[in-house]
Amino acid sequence: RIVQSQRLKTIRQLYEQFIKSMEDLEKNHENLLTGAQNELKKEMALLQKKIMMETQQQEMASVRKSLQSMLF
């Protein structure tokens, strides 16, 4: 009976360690995911800004061309 009790205690400890490890793994996964999402958001914002700048430059070039064709 003592041996059985010790085995149960060992199994219980292993189970608790396993649960704690799984919780830690889940937290790490969430942190990695959050970091990746933040990085992606920053990258998307930079690309959006770049696209807007390029669009503005194209529009300005178009306006210049139109004005030049009107003047000459």
N, C-alpha and C. Protein backbone atom coordinates (compact mmCIF):
# COMPACT_ATOMS: atom_id res chain seq x y z
N ARG A 1 0.81 -1.22 0.00
CA ARG A 1 0.00 0.00 0.00
C ARG A 1 0.85 1.28 0.00
N ILE A 2 1.93 1.24 0.73
CA ILE A 2 2.82 2.40 0.79
C ILE A 2 3.42 2.66 -0.59
N VAL A 3 3.83 1.57 -1.26
CA VAL A 3 4.41 1.70 -2.60
C VAL A 3 3.38 2.29 -3.56
N GLN A 4 2.17 1.81 -3.46
CA GLN A 4 1.09 2.32 -4.32
C GLN A 4 0.83 3.79 -4.04
N SER A 5 0.86 4.18 -2.78
CA SER A 5 0.65 5.57 -2.40
C SER A 5 1.78 6.45 -2.95
N GLN A 6 3.01 5.95 -2.87
CA GLN A 6 4.14 6.71 -3.40
C GLN A 6 4.05 6.86 -4.92
N ARG A 7 3.62 5.79 -5.58
CA ARG A 7 3.45 5.86 -7.03
C ARG A 7 2.39 6.89 -7.40
N LEU A 8 1.31 6.89 -6.68
CA LEU A 8 0.25 7.87 -6.94
C LEU A 8 0.76 9.28 -6.72
N LYS A 9 1.55 9.46 -5.66
CA LYS A 9 2.11 10.77 -5.36
C LYS A 9 3.05 11.21 -6.49
N THR A 10 3.87 10.28 -6.96
CA THR A 10 4.79 10.58 -8.06
C THR A 10 4.02 10.92 -9.33
N ILE A 11 3.00 10.16 -9.61
CA ILE A 11 2.17 10.42 -10.80
C ILE A 11 1.50 11.78 -10.69
N ARG A 12 1.01 12.11 -9.51
CA ARG A 12 0.37 13.41 -9.28
C ARG A 12 1.37 14.55 -9.50
N GLN A 13 2.60 14.39 -8.99
CA GLN A 13 3.64 15.40 -9.18
C GLN A 13 4.00 15.56 -10.66
N LEU A 14 4.15 14.43 -11.34
CA LEU A 14 4.46 14.48 -12.77
C LEU A 14 3.34 15.17 -13.55
N TYR A 15 2.11 14.86 -13.17
CA TYR A 15 0.96 15.48 -13.83
C TYR A 15 0.96 17.00 -13.61
N GLU A 16 1.24 17.43 -12.37
CA GLU A 16 1.28 18.86 -12.07
C GLU A 16 2.41 19.55 -12.83
N GLN A 17 3.57 18.88 -12.93
CA GLN A 17 4.68 19.43 -13.71
C GLN A 17 4.30 19.55 -15.19
N PHE A 18 3.62 18.53 -15.68
CA PHE A 18 3.18 18.53 -17.07
C PHE A 18 2.22 19.69 -17.33
N ILE A 19 1.26 19.88 -16.46
CA ILE A 19 0.29 20.97 -16.60
C ILE A 19 1.00 22.32 -16.56
N LYS A 20 1.94 22.48 -15.63
CA LYS A 20 2.68 23.73 -15.54
C LYS A 20 3.50 23.97 -16.81
N SER A 21 4.13 22.93 -17.30
CA SER A 21 4.91 23.06 -18.54
C SER A 21 4.02 23.44 -19.72
N MET A 22 2.85 22.85 -19.78
CA MET A 22 1.90 23.17 -20.86
C MET A 22 1.43 24.61 -20.76
N GLU A 23 1.18 25.09 -19.54
CA GLU A 23 0.77 26.49 -19.35
C GLU A 23 1.88 27.44 -19.77
N ASP A 24 3.13 27.09 -19.39
CA ASP A 24 4.28 27.92 -19.79
C ASP A 24 4.43 27.94 -21.30
N LEU A 25 4.28 26.77 -21.91
CA LEU A 25 4.37 26.67 -23.37
C LEU A 25 3.29 27.52 -24.04
N GLU A 26 2.09 27.48 -23.49
CA GLU A 26 0.99 28.27 -24.04
C GLU A 26 1.28 29.77 -23.92
N LYS A 27 1.82 30.18 -22.77
CA LYS A 27 2.17 31.60 -22.59
C LYS A 27 3.24 32.02 -23.58
N ASN A 28 4.27 31.19 -23.73
CA ASN A 28 5.33 31.49 -24.69
C ASN A 28 4.78 31.59 -26.11
N HIS A 29 3.89 30.69 -26.44
CA HIS A 29 3.27 30.70 -27.77
C HIS A 29 2.47 31.99 -27.97
N GLU A 30 1.72 32.38 -26.97
CA GLU A 30 0.94 33.61 -27.06
C GLU A 30 1.85 34.82 -27.22
N ASN A 31 2.96 34.85 -26.47
CA ASN A 31 3.91 35.96 -26.58
C ASN A 31 4.53 36.02 -27.97
N LEU A 32 4.91 34.87 -28.49
CA LEU A 32 5.48 34.82 -29.84
C LEU A 32 4.46 35.29 -30.87
N LEU A 33 3.24 34.85 -30.72
CA LEU A 33 2.18 35.23 -31.65
C LEU A 33 1.92 36.72 -31.59
N THR A 34 1.86 37.27 -30.38
CA THR A 34 1.64 38.70 -30.21
C THR A 34 2.79 39.50 -30.83
N GLY A 35 4.01 39.04 -30.60
CA GLY A 35 5.17 39.71 -31.19
C GLY A 35 5.13 39.68 -32.71
N ALA A 36 4.76 38.55 -33.26
CA ALA A 36 4.68 38.42 -34.72
C ALA A 36 3.57 39.32 -35.27
N GLN A 37 2.45 39.37 -34.57
CA GLN A 37 1.35 40.23 -35.02
C GLN A 37 1.76 41.70 -34.98
N ASN A 38 2.44 42.11 -33.93
CA ASN A 38 2.89 43.50 -33.82
C ASN A 38 3.88 43.84 -34.93
N GLU A 39 4.79 42.91 -35.20
CA GLU A 39 5.77 43.12 -36.27
C GLU A 39 5.07 43.24 -37.62
N LEU A 40 4.09 42.40 -37.83
CA LEU A 40 3.34 42.43 -39.09
C LEU A 40 2.56 43.74 -39.23
N LYS A 41 1.98 44.21 -38.13
CA LYS A 41 1.25 45.48 -38.16
C LYS A 41 2.17 46.64 -38.53
N LYS A 42 3.38 46.64 -37.93
CA LYS A 42 4.34 47.70 -38.23
C LYS A 42 4.73 47.65 -39.71
N GLU A 43 5.01 46.44 -40.18
CA GLU A 43 5.40 46.28 -41.58
C GLU A 43 4.29 46.74 -42.52
N MET A 44 3.06 46.38 -42.18
CA MET A 44 1.93 46.77 -43.02
C MET A 44 1.74 48.29 -43.02
N ALA A 45 1.95 48.92 -41.87
CA ALA A 45 1.82 50.38 -41.79
C ALA A 45 2.90 51.05 -42.65
N LEU A 46 4.12 50.52 -42.60
CA LEU A 46 5.19 51.08 -43.42
C LEU A 46 4.89 50.91 -44.91
N LEU A 47 4.41 49.74 -45.29
CA LEU A 47 4.07 49.50 -46.69
C LEU A 47 2.92 50.38 -47.14
N GLN A 48 1.95 50.57 -46.27
CA GLN A 48 0.82 51.42 -46.59
C GLN A 48 1.29 52.86 -46.81
N LYS A 49 2.20 53.32 -45.94
CA LYS A 49 2.74 54.67 -46.08
C LYS A 49 3.52 54.80 -47.39
N LYS A 50 4.30 53.78 -47.70
CA LYS A 50 5.07 53.79 -48.94
C LYS A 50 4.15 53.84 -50.16
N ILE A 51 3.10 53.06 -50.13
CA ILE A 51 2.14 53.04 -51.24
C ILE A 51 1.47 54.41 -51.38
N MET A 52 1.11 55.00 -50.25
CA MET A 52 0.48 56.32 -50.29
C MET A 52 1.42 57.36 -50.89
N MET A 53 2.71 57.31 -50.50
CA MET A 53 3.69 58.25 -51.04
C MET A 53 3.85 58.06 -52.55
N GLU A 54 3.93 56.82 -52.98
CA GLU A 54 4.06 56.54 -54.41
C GLU A 54 2.83 57.02 -55.18
N THR A 55 1.67 56.81 -54.61
CA THR A 55 0.42 57.24 -55.26
C THR A 55 0.40 58.76 -55.37
N GLN A 56 0.81 59.45 -54.29
CA GLN A 56 0.86 60.91 -54.33
C GLN A 56 1.84 61.40 -55.39
N GLN A 57 2.99 60.74 -55.48
CA GLN A 57 3.97 61.14 -56.48
C GLN A 57 3.42 60.93 -57.90
N GLN A 58 2.72 59.83 -58.10
CA GLN A 58 2.13 59.57 -59.42
C GLN A 58 1.07 60.61 -59.75
N GLU A 59 0.27 60.96 -58.75
CA GLU A 59 -0.77 61.97 -58.97
C GLU A 59 -0.14 63.32 -59.28
N MET A 60 0.93 63.66 -58.55
CA MET A 60 1.62 64.94 -58.82
C MET A 60 2.20 64.95 -60.23
N ALA A 61 2.77 63.84 -60.65
CA ALA A 61 3.33 63.76 -62.00
C ALA A 61 2.22 63.91 -63.03
N SER A 62 1.09 63.31 -62.75
CA SER A 62 -0.05 63.42 -63.67
C SER A 62 -0.55 64.86 -63.76
N VAL A 63 -0.62 65.54 -62.61
CA VAL A 63 -1.07 66.94 -62.59
C VAL A 63 -0.07 67.81 -63.35
N ARG A 64 1.22 67.60 -63.13
CA ARG A 64 2.25 68.36 -63.86
C ARG A 64 2.10 68.17 -65.36
N LYS A 65 1.91 66.93 -65.75
CA LYS A 65 1.77 66.63 -67.18
C LYS A 65 0.55 67.34 -67.75
N SER A 66 -0.55 67.29 -67.02
CA SER A 66 -1.77 67.96 -67.47
C SER A 66 -1.55 69.47 -67.59
N LEU A 67 -0.91 70.07 -66.58
CA LEU A 67 -0.65 71.51 -66.62
C LEU A 67 0.28 71.88 -67.78
N GLN A 68 1.29 71.07 -67.98
CA GLN A 68 2.21 71.35 -69.09
C GLN A 68 1.49 71.25 -70.43
N SER A 69 0.61 70.28 -70.56
CA SER A 69 -0.11 70.15 -71.84
C SER A 69 -1.08 71.32 -72.03
N MET A 70 -1.60 71.87 -70.93
CA MET A 70 -2.49 73.02 -71.05
C MET A 70 -1.72 74.28 -71.43
N LEU A 71 -0.51 74.42 -70.84
CA LEU A 71 0.28 75.63 -71.06
C LEU A 71 0.99 75.63 -72.40
N PHE A 72 1.38 74.50 -72.88
CA PHE A 72 2.16 74.46 -74.12
C PHE A 72 1.42 73.78 -75.20
